[in-house]
């Protein structure tokens, strides 16, 4: 069994990233309760190296899709996502959303014919994962329309993932002296989700 960890913890804090702390809490708890699972990581460096699609790249991908060349490198990330049994995405809450590198990654994993397909009845997901967990943190507080959470909830549904969970550690910059206190419940929740997965 395989857990796919999409690590978009891009931060000036480096290893002290608060979103990374959420991911570590989840993954450590998950590994303890699932010692036989393999964790496969998409690193921040890999995400930052992705180029957004332009018209020529889209045409090239469509040409490959039209002949069923799903083993082409452009579909590597989509195939990786499709095969995962559980998916964890960690990204900071930037500008009411998430870093641009993660948006580019979404372009690569949203591959019609790999992670989802259409028929006369609409869109159907083709991914194996039971759950997608989205972990995020930011200086501001969560709002009902927080774009990252909404977008990943919708993506999980489009990909056919059966459950969606998330942890939002917000308000961490409202009073820097209280950041650790505000982060603690989110770390506990991330650990609980990992342990109970």
Protein backbone atom coordinates (compact mmCIF):
# COMPACT_ATOMS: atom_id res chain seq x y z
CA UNK A 1 0.00 0.00 0.00
CA UNK A 2 1.23 3.47 -0.84
CA UNK A 3 0.72 6.94 0.63
CA UNK A 4 1.53 9.82 -1.70
CA UNK A 5 2.79 12.93 0.10
CA UNK A 6 2.67 16.09 -2.01
CA UNK A 7 5.02 18.39 -0.10
CA UNK A 8 4.43 21.99 -1.12
CA UNK A 9 5.79 23.35 2.18
CA UNK A 10 7.54 26.26 0.50
CA UNK A 11 8.50 28.64 3.28
CA UNK A 12 11.21 31.00 4.38
CA UNK A 13 11.09 29.05 7.65
CA UNK A 14 12.55 25.95 6.00
CA UNK A 15 12.35 22.98 8.37
CA UNK A 16 10.52 25.22 10.86
CA UNK A 17 7.60 25.55 8.42
CA UNK A 18 4.34 25.33 10.32
CA UNK A 19 2.65 23.48 7.44
CA UNK A 20 5.52 21.01 7.41
CA UNK A 21 4.96 20.51 11.15
CA UNK A 22 1.36 19.49 10.37
CA UNK A 23 2.59 17.08 7.70
CA UNK A 24 5.15 15.55 10.07
CA UNK A 25 2.50 15.10 12.76
CA UNK A 26 0.23 13.31 10.30
CA UNK A 27 2.93 11.17 8.69
CA UNK A 28 4.55 10.11 11.97
CA UNK A 29 1.20 9.01 13.39
CA UNK A 30 0.26 7.31 10.12
CA UNK A 31 3.57 5.41 9.93
CA UNK A 32 3.14 4.13 13.47
CA UNK A 33 -0.31 2.75 12.73
CA UNK A 34 0.57 1.59 9.18
CA UNK A 35 4.17 0.31 9.39
CA UNK A 36 3.86 -1.72 6.18
CA UNK A 37 2.87 1.26 3.99
CA UNK A 38 5.31 2.95 1.63
CA UNK A 39 5.44 6.77 1.59
CA UNK A 40 6.26 8.34 -1.77
CA UNK A 41 6.98 12.07 -1.78
CA UNK A 42 6.67 14.79 -4.41
CA UNK A 43 9.21 17.31 -3.10
CA UNK A 44 9.00 21.11 -3.14
CA UNK A 45 11.91 21.10 -5.59
CA UNK A 46 10.02 18.82 -7.98
CA UNK A 47 6.94 21.04 -7.77
CA UNK A 48 8.95 24.21 -8.39
CA UNK A 49 10.59 22.62 -11.44
CA UNK A 50 7.25 22.07 -13.21
CA UNK A 51 6.47 24.40 -16.09
CA UNK A 52 2.89 25.59 -16.58
CA UNK A 53 1.28 24.33 -19.77
CA UNK A 54 1.22 26.64 -22.75
CA UNK A 55 -0.69 26.00 -25.98
CA UNK A 56 2.09 23.93 -27.52
CA UNK A 57 2.48 21.75 -24.43
CA UNK A 58 -1.28 21.20 -24.24
CA UNK A 59 -1.37 20.20 -27.91
CA UNK A 60 1.52 17.77 -27.36
CA UNK A 61 -0.20 16.20 -24.34
CA UNK A 62 -3.48 15.91 -26.23
CA UNK A 63 -1.71 14.21 -29.14
CA UNK A 64 -0.29 11.61 -26.72
CA UNK A 65 -3.69 11.12 -25.08
CA UNK A 66 -5.39 10.65 -28.45
CA UNK A 67 -3.28 7.56 -29.13
CA UNK A 68 -3.39 6.29 -25.54
CA UNK A 69 0.30 6.94 -24.87
CA UNK A 70 -0.30 7.08 -21.12
CA UNK A 71 3.25 5.97 -20.32
CA UNK A 72 4.65 9.29 -21.64
CA UNK A 73 6.54 11.34 -19.02
CA UNK A 74 3.96 14.14 -19.10
CA UNK A 75 1.54 11.71 -17.43
CA UNK A 76 3.98 10.49 -14.73
CA UNK A 77 2.49 12.59 -11.93
CA UNK A 78 -1.08 11.71 -12.91
CA UNK A 79 -0.26 7.99 -12.95
CA UNK A 80 1.46 8.33 -9.57
CA UNK A 81 -1.62 10.00 -8.09
CA UNK A 82 -3.99 7.46 -9.64
CA UNK A 83 -2.08 4.55 -8.11
CA UNK A 84 -1.82 5.96 -4.57
CA UNK A 85 -3.95 4.38 -1.84
CA UNK A 86 -3.94 7.57 0.23
CA UNK A 87 -2.96 11.15 -0.66
CA UNK A 88 -1.68 13.88 1.66
CA UNK A 89 -1.19 17.40 0.29
CA UNK A 90 0.53 20.00 2.47
CA UNK A 91 0.73 23.64 1.39
CA UNK A 92 0.76 27.00 3.15
CA UNK A 93 -2.24 29.33 2.99
CA UNK A 94 -0.89 31.98 0.61
CA UNK A 95 -2.96 34.84 -0.79
CA UNK A 96 -6.21 33.07 0.17
CA UNK A 97 -5.08 29.97 -1.73
CA UNK A 98 -1.73 28.14 -2.00
CA UNK A 99 1.61 28.55 -3.83
CA UNK A 100 1.62 28.72 -7.63
CA UNK A 101 3.78 25.58 -7.81
CA UNK A 102 0.88 23.56 -6.44
CA UNK A 103 -1.49 25.01 -9.04
CA UNK A 104 0.93 23.90 -11.76
CA UNK A 105 1.04 20.41 -10.21
CA UNK A 106 -2.76 20.29 -10.42
CA UNK A 107 -2.48 20.87 -14.19
CA UNK A 108 -0.30 17.76 -14.47
CA UNK A 109 -2.44 15.48 -12.32
CA UNK A 110 -5.71 16.59 -13.92
CA UNK A 111 -5.30 14.32 -16.92
CA UNK A 112 -8.45 13.17 -18.70
CA UNK A 113 -7.96 9.48 -19.35
CA UNK A 114 -5.69 8.92 -16.35
CA UNK A 115 -7.11 10.39 -13.13
CA UNK A 116 -10.64 10.86 -14.47
CA UNK A 117 -12.67 10.36 -17.63
CA UNK A 118 -15.89 11.56 -19.20
CA UNK A 119 -18.82 9.63 -20.60
CA UNK A 120 -22.39 10.52 -21.50
CA UNK A 121 -23.25 10.79 -17.80
CA UNK A 122 -20.49 13.22 -16.87
CA UNK A 123 -17.10 13.11 -15.16
CA UNK A 124 -15.92 9.98 -13.31
CA UNK A 125 -12.84 9.66 -11.14
CA UNK A 126 -10.34 6.86 -11.72
CA UNK A 127 -8.06 7.18 -8.67
CA UNK A 128 -7.59 4.36 -6.17
CA UNK A 129 -7.18 6.49 -3.03
CA UNK A 130 -9.61 6.07 -0.15
CA UNK A 131 -8.86 9.51 1.25
CA UNK A 132 -7.22 12.81 0.40
CA UNK A 133 -5.98 14.87 3.34
CA UNK A 134 -5.18 18.56 2.84
CA UNK A 135 -2.97 20.24 5.44
CA UNK A 136 -2.49 23.99 5.51
CA UNK A 137 -1.48 26.81 7.83
CA UNK A 138 -1.38 30.55 7.60
CA UNK A 139 -1.22 33.85 9.37
CA UNK A 140 -4.88 34.62 8.65
CA UNK A 141 -7.93 32.71 9.88
CA UNK A 142 -9.92 30.16 7.93
CA UNK A 143 -13.05 31.35 6.20
CA UNK A 144 -15.87 29.24 4.72
CA UNK A 145 -14.66 30.20 1.24
CA UNK A 146 -10.97 29.41 1.87
CA UNK A 147 -9.94 28.56 -1.67
CA UNK A 148 -7.34 25.86 -0.99
CA UNK A 149 -9.70 23.72 1.04
CA UNK A 150 -12.57 24.16 -1.41
CA UNK A 151 -10.40 23.43 -4.44
CA UNK A 152 -8.86 20.25 -3.00
CA UNK A 153 -12.26 19.02 -1.81
CA UNK A 154 -13.55 19.41 -5.37
CA UNK A 155 -10.45 17.81 -6.88
CA UNK A 156 -10.80 14.81 -4.58
CA UNK A 157 -14.37 14.35 -5.78
CA UNK A 158 -13.36 14.74 -9.44
CA UNK A 159 -10.62 12.13 -9.02
CA UNK A 160 -13.01 9.66 -7.38
CA UNK A 161 -11.37 9.80 -3.93
CA UNK A 162 -13.95 8.60 -1.44
CA UNK A 163 -13.14 10.80 1.57
CA UNK A 164 -11.71 14.28 2.05
CA UNK A 165 -10.28 15.60 5.31
CA UNK A 166 -8.31 18.71 6.12
CA UNK A 167 -6.56 20.60 8.88
CA UNK A 168 -6.33 24.38 8.76
CA UNK A 169 -4.01 25.98 11.32
CA UNK A 170 -4.99 29.62 11.03
CA UNK A 171 -4.44 32.93 12.75
CA UNK A 172 -0.79 32.14 13.42
CA UNK A 173 0.40 35.69 12.71
CA UNK A 174 -2.35 37.58 14.54
CA UNK A 175 -0.22 37.52 17.68
CA UNK A 176 3.21 35.93 17.16
CA UNK A 177 3.48 35.23 20.88
CA UNK A 178 0.45 32.92 20.59
CA UNK A 179 1.45 31.16 17.36
CA UNK A 180 2.60 28.00 19.12
CA UNK A 181 -0.55 27.88 21.21
CA UNK A 182 -2.72 28.31 18.11
CA UNK A 183 -0.78 25.66 16.19
CA UNK A 184 -0.98 23.00 18.92
CA UNK A 185 -4.62 21.91 18.37
CA UNK A 186 -4.02 21.60 14.62
CA UNK A 187 -0.96 19.43 15.23
CA UNK A 188 -3.04 17.22 17.49
CA UNK A 189 -5.78 16.98 14.86
CA UNK A 190 -3.26 16.11 12.14
CA UNK A 191 -1.82 13.38 14.38
CA UNK A 192 -5.30 12.04 15.12
CA UNK A 193 -6.16 11.87 11.42
CA UNK A 194 -2.92 10.02 10.72
CA UNK A 195 -3.40 7.55 13.55
CA UNK A 196 -7.04 6.82 12.69
CA UNK A 197 -6.60 6.65 8.91
